[in-house]
Amino acid sequence: MTSAANTQAEHLADETFMSADDLRAYMDELERKKLNKELAAMDQADKARQELVKTLSEPIDLTPERLHEISQSLVTKMRLAAQRGETEIMVMRFPNVLCTDKGRAINNAEDGWPDTLTGRPRQAFELWRDHLRPAHYKLKAMIVDWPNGMPGDIGFFLSWA
């Protein structure tokens, strides 16, 4: 090999190509970074979920002004759904830990499922019971996701069908 060819070969070996071990180490590092990002995102999601549970665990003060605000928002959502030809909307979604049995009674459609509700979900049920049921609206509660095959979040669906 000529001196120029040796220099070019060394250049290719040092800068352009990695050894197989270096390439595997590079891939391992990429995988570690990806996993670290995923773990950080999971931690952030867990913290947000804990905050949501904390917030939804505390009933809100249902002043006449707050009730008016809730009803106006609900009427707007129902009208938009009706314009789309829909006959129900999800009015609330919450983690199953806001039920004393983690949603078991809801999942099994047991008669006493409302007794398992706590916090704001309990208030939402009571608002329906006291104000919307007399106007012939129906409320359906169901598990809306199944992480790892287990009951997850619960949705309240308001229907006028």
N, C-alpha and C. Protein backbone atom coordinates (compact mmCIF):
# COMPACT_ATOMS: atom_id res chain seq x y z
N MET A 1 0.84 -1.18 0.00
CA MET A 1 0.00 0.00 0.00
C MET A 1 0.88 1.24 0.00
N THR A 2 0.42 2.24 -0.68
CA THR A 2 1.19 3.47 -0.71
C THR A 2 0.95 4.23 0.58
N SER A 3 1.77 5.20 0.80
CA SER A 3 1.64 6.01 2.01
C SER A 3 0.30 6.72 2.04
N ALA A 4 -0.16 7.20 0.89
CA ALA A 4 -1.46 7.88 0.82
C ALA A 4 -2.58 6.90 1.10
N ALA A 5 -2.45 5.66 0.60
CA ALA A 5 -3.47 4.64 0.83
C ALA A 5 -3.50 4.26 2.30
N ASN A 6 -2.32 4.15 2.94
CA ASN A 6 -2.27 3.85 4.38
C ASN A 6 -2.95 4.95 5.18
N THR A 7 -2.67 6.19 4.83
CA THR A 7 -3.26 7.33 5.53
C THR A 7 -4.78 7.31 5.37
N GLN A 8 -5.24 7.02 4.14
CA GLN A 8 -6.68 6.97 3.90
C GLN A 8 -7.31 5.82 4.68
N ALA A 9 -6.69 4.63 4.72
CA ALA A 9 -7.22 3.49 5.45
C ALA A 9 -7.28 3.80 6.95
N GLU A 10 -6.24 4.43 7.48
CA GLU A 10 -6.26 4.80 8.90
C GLU A 10 -7.38 5.80 9.18
N HIS A 11 -7.56 6.73 8.26
CA HIS A 11 -8.62 7.74 8.42
C HIS A 11 -9.99 7.05 8.46
N LEU A 12 -10.22 6.10 7.56
CA LEU A 12 -11.49 5.38 7.54
C LEU A 12 -11.67 4.56 8.81
N ALA A 13 -10.61 3.90 9.28
CA ALA A 13 -10.71 3.06 10.47
C ALA A 13 -10.95 3.91 11.72
N ASP A 14 -10.36 5.09 11.77
CA ASP A 14 -10.47 5.89 12.98
C ASP A 14 -11.75 6.72 13.03
N GLU A 15 -12.24 7.22 11.90
CA GLU A 15 -13.32 8.18 11.95
C GLU A 15 -14.61 7.73 11.28
N THR A 16 -14.55 7.00 10.23
CA THR A 16 -15.75 6.68 9.49
C THR A 16 -16.41 5.42 10.02
N PHE A 17 -15.63 4.42 10.38
CA PHE A 17 -16.18 3.13 10.81
C PHE A 17 -15.92 2.92 12.29
N MET A 18 -16.88 2.32 12.95
CA MET A 18 -16.71 1.93 14.35
C MET A 18 -16.46 0.43 14.38
N SER A 19 -15.85 -0.01 15.43
CA SER A 19 -15.73 -1.46 15.59
C SER A 19 -17.12 -1.98 15.96
N ALA A 20 -17.32 -3.26 15.81
CA ALA A 20 -18.61 -3.86 16.17
C ALA A 20 -18.90 -3.62 17.65
N ASP A 21 -17.87 -3.72 18.50
CA ASP A 21 -18.05 -3.47 19.94
C ASP A 21 -18.47 -2.03 20.20
N ASP A 22 -17.85 -1.09 19.49
CA ASP A 22 -18.21 0.32 19.66
C ASP A 22 -19.65 0.57 19.19
N LEU A 23 -20.03 -0.07 18.10
CA LEU A 23 -21.38 0.12 17.60
C LEU A 23 -22.41 -0.46 18.58
N ARG A 24 -22.12 -1.64 19.16
CA ARG A 24 -23.04 -2.22 20.16
C ARG A 24 -23.10 -1.33 21.40
N ALA A 25 -21.97 -0.77 21.82
CA ALA A 25 -21.96 0.13 22.97
C ALA A 25 -22.78 1.39 22.67
N TYR A 26 -22.67 1.89 21.44
CA TYR A 26 -23.45 3.04 21.01
C TYR A 26 -24.95 2.71 21.05
N MET A 27 -25.30 1.54 20.55
CA MET A 27 -26.71 1.11 20.58
C MET A 27 -27.21 0.97 22.01
N ASP A 28 -26.37 0.40 22.89
CA ASP A 28 -26.74 0.26 24.30
C ASP A 28 -26.98 1.62 24.94
N GLU A 29 -26.12 2.58 24.62
CA GLU A 29 -26.27 3.93 25.16
C GLU A 29 -27.57 4.58 24.66
N LEU A 30 -27.88 4.40 23.38
CA LEU A 30 -29.13 4.93 22.84
C LEU A 30 -30.32 4.30 23.56
N GLU A 31 -30.27 3.00 23.78
CA GLU A 31 -31.36 2.30 24.46
C GLU A 31 -31.51 2.80 25.91
N ARG A 32 -30.39 3.01 26.59
CA ARG A 32 -30.43 3.54 27.97
C ARG A 32 -31.07 4.92 28.00
N LYS A 33 -30.69 5.77 27.05
CA LYS A 33 -31.27 7.12 27.00
C LYS A 33 -32.77 7.05 26.73
N LYS A 34 -33.17 6.17 25.82
CA LYS A 34 -34.59 6.01 25.51
C LYS A 34 -35.35 5.53 26.74
N LEU A 35 -34.81 4.54 27.44
CA LEU A 35 -35.47 4.03 28.65
C LEU A 35 -35.54 5.10 29.73
N ASN A 36 -34.48 5.89 29.89
CA ASN A 36 -34.50 6.96 30.88
C ASN A 36 -35.57 7.99 30.57
N LYS A 37 -35.74 8.33 29.27
CA LYS A 37 -36.80 9.26 28.88
C LYS A 37 -38.18 8.67 29.19
N GLU A 38 -38.35 7.38 28.88
CA GLU A 38 -39.64 6.72 29.13
C GLU A 38 -39.92 6.68 30.63
N LEU A 39 -38.91 6.37 31.44
CA LEU A 39 -39.09 6.34 32.90
C LEU A 39 -39.43 7.72 33.43
N ALA A 40 -38.77 8.74 32.91
CA ALA A 40 -39.06 10.11 33.35
C ALA A 40 -40.49 10.49 32.98
N ALA A 41 -40.93 10.10 31.79
CA ALA A 41 -42.30 10.39 31.37
C ALA A 41 -43.30 9.64 32.24
N MET A 42 -42.99 8.39 32.60
CA MET A 42 -43.87 7.62 33.48
C MET A 42 -43.93 8.25 34.86
N ASP A 43 -42.79 8.70 35.36
CA ASP A 43 -42.78 9.38 36.67
C ASP A 43 -43.62 10.64 36.63
N GLN A 44 -43.48 11.40 35.56
CA GLN A 44 -44.26 12.63 35.41
C GLN A 44 -45.75 12.31 35.33
N ALA A 45 -46.11 11.27 34.60
CA ALA A 45 -47.51 10.87 34.49
C ALA A 45 -48.04 10.40 35.84
N ASP A 46 -47.24 9.66 36.58
CA ASP A 46 -47.65 9.21 37.92
C ASP A 46 -47.89 10.39 38.85
N LYS A 47 -47.00 11.36 38.81
CA LYS A 47 -47.17 12.55 39.65
C LYS A 47 -48.43 13.31 39.27
N ALA A 48 -48.67 13.45 37.97
CA ALA A 48 -49.87 14.15 37.51
C ALA A 48 -51.12 13.39 37.94
N ARG A 49 -51.07 12.08 37.86
CA ARG A 49 -52.21 11.26 38.28
C ARG A 49 -52.45 11.41 39.79
N GLN A 50 -51.39 11.42 40.57
CA GLN A 50 -51.52 11.61 42.02
C GLN A 50 -52.14 12.96 42.33
N GLU A 51 -51.74 13.98 41.60
CA GLU A 51 -52.32 15.32 41.79
C GLU A 51 -53.79 15.32 41.41
N LEU A 52 -54.13 14.64 40.32
CA LEU A 52 -55.51 14.55 39.90
C LEU A 52 -56.36 13.86 40.96
N VAL A 53 -55.86 12.76 41.49
CA VAL A 53 -56.59 12.04 42.54
C VAL A 53 -56.77 12.94 43.75
N LYS A 54 -55.71 13.65 44.12
CA LYS A 54 -55.80 14.55 45.27
C LYS A 54 -56.86 15.63 45.02
N THR A 55 -56.84 16.21 43.84
CA THR A 55 -57.80 17.26 43.50
C THR A 55 -59.23 16.72 43.48
N LEU A 56 -59.43 15.58 42.82
CA LEU A 56 -60.77 15.02 42.70
C LEU A 56 -61.29 14.41 44.00
N SER A 57 -60.41 14.17 44.94
CA SER A 57 -60.82 13.64 46.24
C SER A 57 -61.52 14.69 47.09
N GLU A 58 -61.20 15.94 46.82
CA GLU A 58 -61.77 17.04 47.59
C GLU A 58 -63.02 17.57 46.93
N PRO A 59 -64.17 17.47 47.61
CA PRO A 59 -65.40 18.04 47.03
C PRO A 59 -65.24 19.55 46.82
N ILE A 60 -65.95 20.05 45.82
CA ILE A 60 -65.91 21.49 45.58
C ILE A 60 -67.10 22.15 46.28
N ASP A 61 -66.96 23.41 46.55
CA ASP A 61 -68.04 24.18 47.16
C ASP A 61 -69.05 24.51 46.07
N LEU A 62 -70.21 23.91 46.16
CA LEU A 62 -71.22 24.09 45.12
C LEU A 62 -72.10 25.31 45.43
N THR A 63 -71.51 26.46 45.23
CA THR A 63 -72.25 27.71 45.39
C THR A 63 -73.22 27.84 44.21
N PRO A 64 -74.22 28.70 44.34
CA PRO A 64 -75.12 28.91 43.18
C PRO A 64 -74.35 29.34 41.93
N GLU A 65 -73.31 30.15 42.11
CA GLU A 65 -72.51 30.58 40.96
C GLU A 65 -71.79 29.40 40.33
N ARG A 66 -71.22 28.52 41.15
CA ARG A 66 -70.49 27.35 40.65
C ARG A 66 -71.45 26.39 39.95
N LEU A 67 -72.63 26.19 40.51
CA LEU A 67 -73.64 25.34 39.87
C LEU A 67 -74.05 25.90 38.52
N HIS A 68 -74.21 27.22 38.44
CA HIS A 68 -74.56 27.87 37.17
C HIS A 68 -73.45 27.65 36.14
N GLU A 69 -72.21 27.81 36.57
CA GLU A 69 -71.06 27.61 35.68
C GLU A 69 -71.02 26.17 35.16
N ILE A 70 -71.22 25.21 36.05
CA ILE A 70 -71.22 23.79 35.67
C ILE A 70 -72.36 23.51 34.69
N SER A 71 -73.55 24.03 34.99
CA SER A 71 -74.70 23.75 34.12
C SER A 71 -74.52 24.39 32.75
N GLN A 72 -73.97 25.59 32.68
CA GLN A 72 -73.75 26.25 31.39
C GLN A 72 -72.75 25.46 30.54
N SER A 73 -71.68 24.99 31.17
CA SER A 73 -70.69 24.19 30.45
C SER A 73 -71.33 22.89 29.95
N LEU A 74 -72.12 22.26 30.78
CA LEU A 74 -72.78 21.02 30.42
C LEU A 74 -73.77 21.23 29.27
N VAL A 75 -74.57 22.28 29.33
CA VAL A 75 -75.53 22.58 28.27
C VAL A 75 -74.81 22.80 26.95
N THR A 76 -73.70 23.52 26.98
CA THR A 76 -72.92 23.75 25.75
C THR A 76 -72.44 22.44 25.17
N LYS A 77 -71.88 21.56 26.00
CA LYS A 77 -71.38 20.27 25.52
C LYS A 77 -72.50 19.40 24.98
N MET A 78 -73.66 19.42 25.65
CA MET A 78 -74.78 18.61 25.19
C MET A 78 -75.32 19.13 23.85
N ARG A 79 -75.40 20.43 23.70
CA ARG A 79 -75.89 21.00 22.43
C ARG A 79 -74.95 20.65 21.28
N LEU A 80 -73.64 20.75 21.52
CA LEU A 80 -72.68 20.40 20.48
C LEU A 80 -72.80 18.93 20.10
N ALA A 81 -72.97 18.07 21.10
CA ALA A 81 -73.14 16.64 20.83
C ALA A 81 -74.42 16.41 20.04
N ALA A 82 -75.50 17.07 20.43
CA ALA A 82 -76.78 16.92 19.72
C ALA A 82 -76.65 17.37 18.27
N GLN A 83 -75.90 18.44 18.03
CA GLN A 83 -75.69 18.93 16.66
C GLN A 83 -74.95 17.89 15.82
N ARG A 84 -74.11 17.09 16.46
CA ARG A 84 -73.38 16.02 15.76
C ARG A 84 -74.23 14.74 15.65
N GLY A 85 -75.45 14.78 16.20
CA GLY A 85 -76.32 13.61 16.14
C GLY A 85 -76.07 12.60 17.25
N GLU A 86 -75.29 12.98 18.25
CA GLU A 86 -74.98 12.08 19.35
C GLU A 86 -76.06 12.18 20.42
N THR A 87 -76.21 11.12 21.20
CA THR A 87 -77.22 11.11 22.26
C THR A 87 -76.61 10.89 23.64
N GLU A 88 -75.28 10.96 23.73
CA GLU A 88 -74.62 10.87 25.03
C GLU A 88 -73.25 11.51 24.96
N ILE A 89 -72.78 11.95 26.12
CA ILE A 89 -71.43 12.51 26.22
C ILE A 89 -70.80 12.00 27.51
N MET A 90 -69.48 11.91 27.48
CA MET A 90 -68.76 11.60 28.72
C MET A 90 -68.62 12.92 29.47
N VAL A 91 -69.16 12.96 30.68
CA VAL A 91 -69.14 14.19 31.46
C VAL A 91 -68.04 14.19 32.51
N MET A 92 -67.46 13.03 32.78
CA MET A 92 -66.38 12.97 33.76
C MET A 92 -65.59 11.68 33.56
N ARG A 93 -64.29 11.80 33.75
CA ARG A 93 -63.40 10.64 33.74
C ARG A 93 -62.53 10.76 34.96
N PHE A 94 -62.38 9.66 35.70
CA PHE A 94 -61.60 9.73 36.94
C PHE A 94 -60.95 8.39 37.24
N PRO A 95 -59.84 8.42 37.99
CA PRO A 95 -59.16 7.18 38.36
C PRO A 95 -60.04 6.31 39.26
N ASN A 96 -59.92 5.01 39.09
CA ASN A 96 -60.76 4.08 39.85
C ASN A 96 -60.48 4.10 41.35
N VAL A 97 -59.37 4.68 41.78
CA VAL A 97 -59.08 4.75 43.21
C VAL A 97 -60.03 5.71 43.92
N LEU A 98 -60.83 6.46 43.17
CA LEU A 98 -61.84 7.32 43.78
C LEU A 98 -63.12 6.55 44.08
N CYS A 99 -63.09 5.24 43.88
CA CYS A 99 -64.16 4.35 44.32
C CYS A 99 -63.57 3.50 45.45
N THR A 100 -64.37 3.26 46.47
CA THR A 100 -63.87 2.50 47.61
C THR A 100 -63.49 1.07 47.23
N ASP A 101 -64.04 0.57 46.11
CA ASP A 101 -63.71 -0.79 45.67
C ASP A 101 -62.93 -0.81 44.36
N LYS A 102 -62.34 0.34 44.01
CA LYS A 102 -61.56 0.50 42.77
C LYS A 102 -62.35 0.16 41.51
N GLY A 103 -63.66 0.41 41.56
CA GLY A 103 -64.49 0.24 40.37
C GLY A 103 -65.11 -1.12 40.19
N ARG A 104 -64.94 -2.03 41.15
CA ARG A 104 -65.49 -3.38 41.01
C ARG A 104 -67.01 -3.37 40.83
N ALA A 105 -67.71 -2.60 41.67
CA ALA A 105 -69.18 -2.56 41.58
C ALA A 105 -69.64 -1.96 40.25
N ILE A 106 -68.92 -0.96 39.78
CA ILE A 106 -69.26 -0.36 38.48
C ILE A 106 -69.04 -1.38 37.38
N ASN A 107 -67.91 -2.05 37.41
CA ASN A 107 -67.59 -3.04 36.40
C ASN A 107 -68.61 -4.17 36.37
N ASN A 108 -69.14 -4.53 37.51
CA ASN A 108 -70.12 -5.61 37.60
C ASN A 108 -71.57 -5.12 37.56
N ALA A 109 -71.75 -3.83 37.32
CA ALA A 109 -73.09 -3.22 37.22
C ALA A 109 -73.95 -3.54 38.43
N GLU A 110 -73.35 -3.48 39.61
CA GLU A 110 -74.10 -3.75 40.84
C GLU A 110 -74.98 -2.56 41.18
N ASP A 111 -76.13 -2.85 41.77
CA ASP A 111 -77.09 -1.79 42.11
C ASP A 111 -76.50 -0.71 43.01
N GLY A 112 -75.69 -1.04 43.95
CA GLY A 112 -75.18 -0.06 44.91
C GLY A 112 -73.90 0.64 44.49
N TRP A 113 -73.56 0.61 43.19
CA TRP A 113 -72.28 1.20 42.77
C TRP A 113 -72.13 2.66 43.18
N PRO A 114 -73.18 3.49 43.21
CA PRO A 114 -72.96 4.89 43.60
C PRO A 114 -72.43 5.04 45.04
N ASP A 115 -72.72 4.05 45.89
CA ASP A 115 -72.24 4.12 47.27
C ASP A 115 -70.72 3.99 47.37
N THR A 116 -70.07 3.52 46.30
CA THR A 116 -68.61 3.36 46.32
C THR A 116 -67.88 4.64 45.92
N LEU A 117 -68.61 5.63 45.42
CA LEU A 117 -67.99 6.87 44.93
C LEU A 117 -67.54 7.76 46.08
N THR A 118 -66.44 8.47 45.85
CA THR A 118 -65.94 9.44 46.83
C THR A 118 -65.63 10.75 46.11
N GLY A 119 -65.43 11.81 46.87
CA GLY A 119 -64.98 13.09 46.33
C GLY A 119 -65.88 13.67 45.26
N ARG A 120 -65.26 14.27 44.26
CA ARG A 120 -66.01 14.92 43.18
C ARG A 120 -66.83 13.96 42.33
N PRO A 121 -66.37 12.72 42.10
CA PRO A 121 -67.26 11.80 41.40
C PRO A 121 -68.59 11.59 42.16
N ARG A 122 -68.51 11.54 43.48
CA ARG A 122 -69.73 11.41 44.28
C ARG A 122 -70.62 12.65 44.08
N GLN A 123 -69.98 13.82 44.07
CA GLN A 123 -70.75 15.05 43.84
C GLN A 123 -71.40 15.06 42.47
N ALA A 124 -70.67 14.59 41.47
CA ALA A 124 -71.21 14.56 40.10
C ALA A 124 -72.43 13.64 40.05
N PHE A 125 -72.33 12.48 40.70
CA PHE A 125 -73.48 11.58 40.74
C PHE A 125 -74.67 12.26 41.42
N GLU A 126 -74.41 12.92 42.54
CA GLU A 126 -75.49 13.59 43.28
C GLU A 126 -76.12 14.72 42.47
N LEU A 127 -75.31 15.44 41.70
CA LEU A 127 -75.86 16.48 40.82
C LEU A 127 -76.80 15.87 39.78
N TRP A 128 -76.36 14.76 39.20
CA TRP A 128 -77.24 14.08 38.25
C TRP A 128 -78.52 13.63 38.94
N ARG A 129 -78.35 12.95 40.08
CA ARG A 129 -79.50 12.41 40.81
C ARG A 129 -80.51 13.51 41.17
N ASP A 130 -80.01 14.65 41.64
CA ASP A 130 -80.88 15.70 42.14
C ASP A 130 -81.41 16.65 41.06
N HIS A 131 -80.65 16.83 39.97
CA HIS A 131 -81.04 17.84 38.99
C HIS A 131 -81.32 17.30 37.59
N LEU A 132 -80.60 16.28 37.17
CA LEU A 132 -80.74 15.81 35.79
C LEU A 132 -81.64 14.59 35.65
N ARG A 133 -81.63 13.71 36.62
CA ARG A 133 -82.52 12.54 36.55
C ARG A 133 -83.99 12.96 36.50
N PRO A 134 -84.41 13.97 37.30
CA PRO A 134 -85.81 14.40 37.19
C PRO A 134 -86.17 14.92 35.80
N ALA A 135 -85.16 15.36 35.03
CA ALA A 135 -85.40 15.82 33.66
C ALA A 135 -85.22 14.69 32.64
N HIS A 136 -85.17 13.45 33.13
CA HIS A 136 -85.12 12.23 32.32
C HIS A 136 -83.78 11.97 31.63
N TYR A 137 -82.70 12.55 32.15
CA TYR A 137 -81.37 12.21 31.66
C TYR A 137 -80.92 10.94 32.38
N LYS A 138 -80.15 10.13 31.69
CA LYS A 138 -79.63 8.90 32.27
C LYS A 138 -78.13 9.08 32.51
N LEU A 139 -77.62 8.40 33.54
CA LEU A 139 -76.19 8.41 33.83
C LEU A 139 -75.70 6.98 33.82
N LYS A 140 -74.65 6.75 33.05
CA LYS A 140 -74.05 5.43 32.97
C LYS A 140 -72.60 5.58 33.43
N ALA A 141 -72.16 4.66 34.27
CA ALA A 141 -70.76 4.63 34.71
C ALA A 141 -70.13 3.35 34.16
N MET A 142 -68.94 3.49 33.61
CA MET A 142 -68.26 2.29 33.10
C MET A 142 -66.74 2.48 33.11
N ILE A 143 -66.05 1.37 33.16
CA ILE A 143 -64.59 1.38 33.06
C ILE A 143 -64.25 1.75 31.61
N VAL A 144 -63.38 2.76 31.44
CA VAL A 144 -63.06 3.21 30.09
C VAL A 144 -61.66 2.85 29.62
N ASP A 145 -60.84 2.31 30.51
CA ASP A 145 -59.56 1.76 30.06
C ASP A 145 -59.15 0.61 30.96
N TRP A 146 -58.29 -0.22 30.40
CA TRP A 146 -57.90 -1.46 31.07
C TRP A 146 -56.38 -1.63 31.03
N PRO A 147 -55.63 -0.87 31.82
CA PRO A 147 -54.17 -1.03 31.81
C PRO A 147 -53.76 -2.40 32.37
N ASN A 148 -52.96 -3.09 31.63
CA ASN A 148 -52.49 -4.42 32.02
C ASN A 148 -53.64 -5.37 32.33
N GLY A 149 -54.77 -5.19 31.65
CA GLY A 149 -55.91 -6.07 31.84
C GLY A 149 -56.71 -5.83 33.11
N MET A 150 -56.37 -4.78 33.84
CA MET A 150 -57.06 -4.47 35.09
C MET A 150 -57.91 -3.22 34.90
N PRO A 151 -59.03 -3.10 35.65
CA PRO A 151 -59.86 -1.89 35.53
C PRO A 151 -59.05 -0.63 35.80
N GLY A 152 -59.23 0.36 34.94
CA GLY A 152 -58.52 1.63 35.07
C GLY A 152 -59.49 2.75 35.35
N ASP A 153 -59.43 3.79 34.53
CA ASP A 153 -60.28 4.96 34.73
C ASP A 153 -61.74 4.62 34.50
N ILE A 154 -62.57 5.42 35.15
CA ILE A 154 -64.02 5.29 35.05
C ILE A 154 -64.57 6.52 34.35
N GLY A 155 -65.54 6.31 33.49
CA GLY A 155 -66.20 7.42 32.82
C GLY A 155 -67.65 7.48 33.21
N PHE A 156 -68.14 8.71 33.38
CA PHE A 156 -69.57 8.96 33.55
C PHE A 156 -70.10 9.45 32.22
N PHE A 157 -71.16 8.83 31.74
CA PHE A 157 -71.77 9.18 30.46
C PHE A 157 -73.19 9.65 30.72
N LEU A 158 -73.50 10.83 30.27
CA LEU A 158 -74.83 11.40 30.38
C LEU A 158 -75.55 11.15 29.06
N SER A 159 -76.75 10.59 29.13
CA SER A 159 -77.49 10.21 27.93
C SER A 159 -78.88 10.82 27.93
N TRP A 160 -79.33 11.15 26.72
CA TRP A 160 -80.69 11.66 26.56
C TRP A 160 -81.41 10.89 25.46
N ALA A 161 -80.98 9.68 25.20
CA ALA A 161 -81.59 8.84 24.16
C ALA A 161 -82.96 8.36 24.60
